[in-house]
PDB file of N, CA and C in Angstrom:
ATOM      1  N   UNK A   1     158.268-172.113 -37.191  1.00  0.00           N
ATOM      2  CA  UNK A   1     158.999-171.201 -38.035  1.00  0.00           C
ATOM      3  C   UNK A   1     158.003-170.477 -38.907  1.00  0.00           C
ATOM      4  N   UNK A   2     157.950-169.178 -38.801  1.00  0.00           N
ATOM      5  CA  UNK A   2     156.998-168.385 -39.573  1.00  0.00           C
ATOM      6  C   UNK A   2     157.627-167.942 -40.898  1.00  0.00           C
ATOM      7  N   UNK A   3     156.877-168.106 -41.939  1.00  0.00           N
ATOM      8  CA  UNK A   3     157.344-167.745 -43.269  1.00  0.00           C
ATOM      9  C   UNK A   3     156.771-166.399 -43.697  1.00  0.00           C
ATOM     10  N   UNK A   4     157.516-165.717 -44.509  1.00  0.00           N
ATOM     11  CA  UNK A   4     157.086-164.459 -45.072  1.00  0.00           C
ATOM     12  C   UNK A   4     156.209-164.770 -46.303  1.00  0.00           C
ATOM     13  N   UNK A   5     155.023-164.198 -46.349  1.00  0.00           N
ATOM     14  CA  UNK A   5     154.099-164.510 -47.452  1.00  0.00           C
ATOM     15  C   UNK A   5     154.610-164.023 -48.793  1.00  0.00           C
ATOM     16  N   UNK A   6     155.429-162.968 -48.790  1.00  0.00           N
ATOM     17  CA  UNK A   6     155.953-162.480 -50.053  1.00  0.00           C
ATOM     18  C   UNK A   6     156.926-163.480 -50.635  1.00  0.00           C
ATOM     19  N   UNK A   7     157.762-164.084 -49.782  1.00  0.00           N
ATOM     20  CA  UNK A   7     158.726-165.090 -50.256  1.00  0.00           C
ATOM     21  C   UNK A   7     158.008-166.326 -50.762  1.00  0.00           C
ATOM     22  N   UNK A   8     156.961-166.736 -50.078  1.00  0.00           N
ATOM     23  CA  UNK A   8     156.179-167.888 -50.523  1.00  0.00           C
ATOM     24  C   UNK A   8     155.525-167.593 -51.868  1.00  0.00           C
ATOM     25  N   UNK A   9     155.003-166.377 -52.015  1.00  0.00           N
ATOM     26  CA  UNK A   9     154.393-165.997 -53.298  1.00  0.00           C
ATOM     27  C   UNK A   9     155.418-165.962 -54.428  1.00  0.00           C
ATOM     28  N   UNK A  10     156.615-165.446 -54.106  1.00  0.00           N
ATOM     29  CA  UNK A  10     157.678-165.433 -55.116  1.00  0.00           C
ATOM     30  C   UNK A  10     158.082-166.837 -55.529  1.00  0.00           C
ATOM     31  N   UNK A  11     158.198-167.732 -54.566  1.00  0.00           N
ATOM     32  CA  UNK A  11     158.557-169.111 -54.882  1.00  0.00           C
ATOM     33  C   UNK A  11     157.475-169.805 -55.668  1.00  0.00           C
ATOM     34  N   UNK A  12     156.215-169.501 -55.358  1.00  0.00           N
ATOM     35  CA  UNK A  12     155.111-170.066 -56.155  1.00  0.00           C
ATOM     36  C   UNK A  12     155.128-169.543 -57.596  1.00  0.00           C
ATOM     37  N   UNK A  13     155.425-168.242 -57.751  1.00  0.00           N
ATOM     38  CA  UNK A  13     155.547-167.662 -59.073  1.00  0.00           C
ATOM     39  C   UNK A  13     156.683-168.255 -59.870  1.00  0.00           C
ATOM     40  N   UNK A  14     157.810-168.489 -59.188  1.00  0.00           N
ATOM     41  CA  UNK A  14     158.954-169.116 -59.880  1.00  0.00           C
ATOM     42  C   UNK A  14     158.611-170.554 -60.283  1.00  0.00           C
ATOM     43  N   UNK A  15     157.916-171.269 -59.437  1.00  0.00           N
ATOM     44  CA  UNK A  15     157.477-172.622 -59.779  1.00  0.00           C
ATOM     45  C   UNK A  15     156.545-172.598 -60.970  1.00  0.00           C
ATOM     46  N   UNK A  16     155.621-171.641 -61.004  1.00  0.00           N
ATOM     47  CA  UNK A  16     154.707-171.520 -62.118  1.00  0.00           C
ATOM     48  C   UNK A  16     155.477-171.248 -63.428  1.00  0.00           C
ATOM     49  N   UNK A  17     156.439-170.351 -63.350  1.00  0.00           N
ATOM     50  CA  UNK A  17     157.253-170.049 -64.560  1.00  0.00           C
ATOM     51  C   UNK A  17     158.064-171.282 -64.982  1.00  0.00           C
ATOM     52  N   UNK A  18     158.547-172.029 -64.009  1.00  0.00           N
ATOM     53  CA  UNK A  18     159.298-173.243 -64.315  1.00  0.00           C
ATOM     54  C   UNK A  18     158.440-174.226 -65.082  1.00  0.00           C
ATOM     55  N   UNK A  19     157.196-174.395 -64.646  1.00  0.00           N
ATOM     56  CA  UNK A  19     156.268-175.346 -65.304  1.00  0.00           C
ATOM     57  C   UNK A  19     155.936-174.831 -66.729  1.00  0.00           C
ATOM     58  N   UNK A  20     155.719-173.532 -66.854  1.00  0.00           N
ATOM     59  CA  UNK A  20     155.366-172.963 -68.151  1.00  0.00           C
ATOM     60  C   UNK A  20     156.557-173.114 -69.108  1.00  0.00           C
ATOM     61  N   UNK A  21     157.756-172.767 -68.664  1.00  0.00           N
ATOM     62  CA  UNK A  21     158.929-172.890 -69.528  1.00  0.00           C
ATOM     63  C   UNK A  21     159.203-174.344 -69.920  1.00  0.00           C
ATOM     64  N   UNK A  22     158.981-175.243 -69.012  1.00  0.00           N
ATOM     65  CA  UNK A  22     159.157-176.677 -69.345  1.00  0.00           C
ATOM     66  C   UNK A  22     158.158-177.098 -70.387  1.00  0.00           C
ATOM     67  N   UNK A  23     156.912-176.676 -70.275  1.00  0.00           N
ATOM     68  CA  UNK A  23     155.897-177.024 -71.239  1.00  0.00           C
ATOM     69  C   UNK A  23     156.241-176.438 -72.603  1.00  0.00           C
ATOM     70  N   UNK A  24     156.686-175.183 -72.631  1.00  0.00           N
ATOM     71  CA  UNK A  24     157.078-174.584 -73.908  1.00  0.00           C
ATOM     72  C   UNK A  24     158.276-175.311 -74.492  1.00  0.00           C
ATOM     73  N   UNK A  25     159.221-175.720 -73.666  1.00  0.00           N
ATOM     74  CA  UNK A  25     160.398-176.418 -74.145  1.00  0.00           C
ATOM     75  C   UNK A  25     160.027-177.736 -74.802  1.00  0.00           C
ATOM     76  N   UNK A  26     159.141-178.490 -74.149  1.00  0.00           N
ATOM     77  CA  UNK A  26     158.717-179.771 -74.731  1.00  0.00           C
ATOM     78  C   UNK A  26     157.944-179.546 -76.038  1.00  0.00           C
ATOM     79  N   UNK A  27     157.118-178.513 -76.028  1.00  0.00           N
ATOM     80  CA  UNK A  27     156.335-178.201 -77.263  1.00  0.00           C
ATOM     81  C   UNK A  27     157.256-177.825 -78.403  1.00  0.00           C
ATOM     82  N   UNK A  28     158.259-176.988 -78.150  1.00  0.00           N
ATOM     83  CA  UNK A  28     159.155-176.589 -79.205  1.00  0.00           C
ATOM     84  C   UNK A  28     160.039-177.744 -79.666  1.00  0.00           C
ATOM     85  N   UNK A  29     160.412-178.610 -78.763  1.00  0.00           N
ATOM     86  CA  UNK A  29     161.209-179.779 -79.148  1.00  0.00           C
ATOM     87  C   UNK A  29     160.394-180.708 -80.063  1.00  0.00           C
ATOM     88  N   UNK A  30     159.099-180.861 -79.756  1.00  0.00           N
ATOM     89  CA  UNK A  30     158.242-181.707 -80.581  1.00  0.00           C
ATOM     90  C   UNK A  30     158.141-181.192 -82.010  1.00  0.00           C
ATOM     91  N   UNK A  31     158.092-179.877 -82.155  1.00  0.00           N
ATOM     92  CA  UNK A  31     158.021-179.276 -83.500  1.00  0.00           C
ATOM     93  C   UNK A  31     159.394-178.943 -84.085  1.00  0.00           C
ATOM     94  N   UNK A  32     160.427-179.457 -83.473  1.00  0.00           N
ATOM     95  CA  UNK A  32     161.810-179.372 -83.946  1.00  0.00           C
ATOM     96  C   UNK A  32     162.335-177.933 -84.074  1.00  0.00           C
ATOM     97  N   UNK A  33     161.919-177.093 -83.185  1.00  0.00           N
ATOM     98  CA  UNK A  33     162.485-175.739 -83.073  1.00  0.00           C
ATOM     99  C   UNK A  33     163.537-175.760 -81.982  1.00  0.00           C
ATOM    100  N   UNK A  34     164.734-176.211 -82.346  1.00  0.00           N
ATOM    101  CA  UNK A  34     165.750-176.495 -81.334  1.00  0.00           C
ATOM    102  C   UNK A  34     166.327-175.240 -80.728  1.00  0.00           C
ATOM    103  N   UNK A  35     166.352-174.146 -81.436  1.00  0.00           N
ATOM    104  CA  UNK A  35     166.856-172.885 -80.872  1.00  0.00           C
ATOM    105  C   UNK A  35     165.940-172.417 -79.756  1.00  0.00           C
ATOM    106  N   UNK A  36     164.637-172.469 -80.001  1.00  0.00           N
ATOM    107  CA  UNK A  36     163.683-172.090 -78.971  1.00  0.00           C
ATOM    108  C   UNK A  36     163.742-173.054 -77.788  1.00  0.00           C
ATOM    109  N   UNK A  37     163.968-174.314 -78.060  1.00  0.00           N
ATOM    110  CA  UNK A  37     164.114-175.310 -77.006  1.00  0.00           C
ATOM    111  C   UNK A  37     165.308-174.960 -76.071  1.00  0.00           C
ATOM    112  N   UNK A  38     166.408-174.555 -76.677  1.00  0.00           N
ATOM    113  CA  UNK A  38     167.580-174.170 -75.873  1.00  0.00           C
ATOM    114  C   UNK A  38     167.316-172.868 -75.092  1.00  0.00           C
ATOM    115  N   UNK A  39     166.552-171.966 -75.664  1.00  0.00           N
ATOM    116  CA  UNK A  39     166.219-170.730 -74.940  1.00  0.00           C
ATOM    117  C   UNK A  39     165.378-171.016 -73.705  1.00  0.00           C
ATOM    118  N   UNK A  40     164.346-171.849 -73.851  1.00  0.00           N
ATOM    119  CA  UNK A  40     163.486-172.176 -72.718  1.00  0.00           C
ATOM    120  C   UNK A  40     164.237-173.015 -71.704  1.00  0.00           C
ATOM    121  N   UNK A  41     165.148-173.874 -72.151  1.00  0.00           N
ATOM    122  CA  UNK A  41     165.939-174.663 -71.215  1.00  0.00           C
ATOM    123  C   UNK A  41     166.852-173.746 -70.399  1.00  0.00           C
ATOM    124  N   UNK A  42     167.453-172.756 -71.045  1.00  0.00           N
ATOM    125  CA  UNK A  42     168.328-171.864 -70.291  1.00  0.00           C
ATOM    126  C   UNK A  42     167.525-170.987 -69.322  1.00  0.00           C
ATOM    127  N   UNK A  43     166.316-170.594 -69.698  1.00  0.00           N
ATOM    128  CA  UNK A  43     165.470-169.836 -68.759  1.00  0.00           C
ATOM    129  C   UNK A  43     165.109-170.705 -67.554  1.00  0.00           C
ATOM    130  N   UNK A  44     164.869-171.998 -67.782  1.00  0.00           N
ATOM    131  CA  UNK A  44     164.605-172.911 -66.683  1.00  0.00           C
ATOM    132  C   UNK A  44     165.814-173.006 -65.739  1.00  0.00           C
ATOM    133  N   UNK A  45     166.994-173.069 -66.332  1.00  0.00           N
ATOM    134  CA  UNK A  45     168.217-173.190 -65.530  1.00  0.00           C
ATOM    135  C   UNK A  45     168.470-171.898 -64.753  1.00  0.00           C
ATOM    136  N   UNK A  46     168.161-170.738 -65.333  1.00  0.00           N
ATOM    137  CA  UNK A  46     168.350-169.468 -64.643  1.00  0.00           C
ATOM    138  C   UNK A  46     167.398-169.323 -63.469  1.00  0.00           C
ATOM    139  N   UNK A  47     166.199-169.871 -63.578  1.00  0.00           N
ATOM    140  CA  UNK A  47     165.227-169.744 -62.502  1.00  0.00           C
ATOM    141  C   UNK A  47     165.649-170.460 -61.224  1.00  0.00           C
ATOM    142  N   UNK A  48     166.396-171.534 -61.350  1.00  0.00           N
ATOM    143  CA  UNK A  48     166.761-172.300 -60.145  1.00  0.00           C
ATOM    144  C   UNK A  48     167.605-171.486 -59.153  1.00  0.00           C
ATOM    145  N   UNK A  49     168.685-170.810 -59.582  1.00  0.00           N
ATOM    146  CA  UNK A  49     169.431-170.009 -58.594  1.00  0.00           C
ATOM    147  C   UNK A  49     168.617-168.827 -58.015  1.00  0.00           C
ATOM    148  N   UNK A  50     167.701-168.292 -58.798  1.00  0.00           N
ATOM    149  CA  UNK A  50     166.859-167.224 -58.266  1.00  0.00           C
ATOM    150  C   UNK A  50     165.982-167.754 -57.148  1.00  0.00           C
ATOM    151  N   UNK A  51     165.393-168.932 -57.386  1.00  0.00           N
ATOM    152  CA  UNK A  51     164.552-169.545 -56.336  1.00  0.00           C
ATOM    153  C   UNK A  51     165.409-169.893 -55.116  1.00  0.00           C
ATOM    154  N   UNK A  52     166.610-170.341 -55.308  1.00  0.00           N
ATOM    155  CA  UNK A  52     167.511-170.654 -54.221  1.00  0.00           C
ATOM    156  C   UNK A  52     167.824-169.423 -53.383  1.00  0.00           C
ATOM    157  N   UNK A  53     168.070-168.275 -54.043  1.00  0.00           N
ATOM    158  CA  UNK A  53     168.360-167.036 -53.350  1.00  0.00           C
ATOM    159  C   UNK A  53     167.145-166.561 -52.556  1.00  0.00           C
ATOM    160  N   UNK A  54     165.962-166.672 -53.118  1.00  0.00           N
ATOM    161  CA  UNK A  54     164.746-166.272 -52.387  1.00  0.00           C
ATOM    162  C   UNK A  54     164.560-167.145 -51.156  1.00  0.00           C
ATOM    163  N   UNK A  55     164.774-168.444 -51.318  1.00  0.00           N
ATOM    164  CA  UNK A  55     164.641-169.368 -50.196  1.00  0.00           C
ATOM    165  C   UNK A  55     165.670-169.081 -49.094  1.00  0.00           C
ATOM    166  N   UNK A  56     166.917-168.869 -49.479  1.00  0.00           N
ATOM    167  CA  UNK A  56     167.967-168.574 -48.482  1.00  0.00           C
ATOM    168  C   UNK A  56     167.704-167.256 -47.766  1.00  0.00           C
ATOM    169  N   UNK A  57     167.219-166.247 -48.485  1.00  0.00           N
ATOM    170  CA  UNK A  57     166.900-164.960 -47.865  1.00  0.00           C
ATOM    171  C   UNK A  57     165.775-165.121 -46.859  1.00  0.00           C
ATOM    172  N   UNK A  58     164.794-165.920 -47.215  1.00  0.00           N
ATOM    173  CA  UNK A  58     163.671-166.165 -46.303  1.00  0.00           C
ATOM    174  C   UNK A  58     164.116-166.926 -45.049  1.00  0.00           C
ATOM    175  N   UNK A  59     165.023-167.882 -45.240  1.00  0.00           N
ATOM    176  CA  UNK A  59     165.523-168.640 -44.086  1.00  0.00           C
ATOM    177  C   UNK A  59     166.358-167.763 -43.142  1.00  0.00           C
ATOM    178  N   UNK A  60     167.100-166.840 -43.715  1.00  0.00           N
ATOM    179  CA  UNK A  60     167.917-165.929 -42.903  1.00  0.00           C
ATOM    180  C   UNK A  60     167.053-165.005 -42.061  1.00  0.00           C
ATOM    181  N   UNK A  61     165.948-164.535 -42.626  1.00  0.00           N
ATOM    182  CA  UNK A  61     165.073-163.601 -41.926  1.00  0.00           C
ATOM    183  C   UNK A  61     164.277-164.326 -40.802  1.00  0.00           C
ATOM    184  N   UNK A  62     164.054-165.604 -40.951  1.00  0.00           N
ATOM    185  CA  UNK A  62     163.218-166.329 -39.979  1.00  0.00           C
ATOM    186  C   UNK A  62     163.982-166.659 -38.699  1.00  0.00           C
TER     187      UNK A  62
END
């Protein structure tokens, strides 16, 4: 099964953003900035369906 390099790059970028947002979330929670913690948590949750759509689109094209 051949993958599209653009889809793989998009998924890698989404994974990188997920790691960055998680790190920011933990950092903000440590310093008790709970509003920022909730913002980064919601950004993390929003990234999951985007990654799922990219993956499904790539599977359909293959």
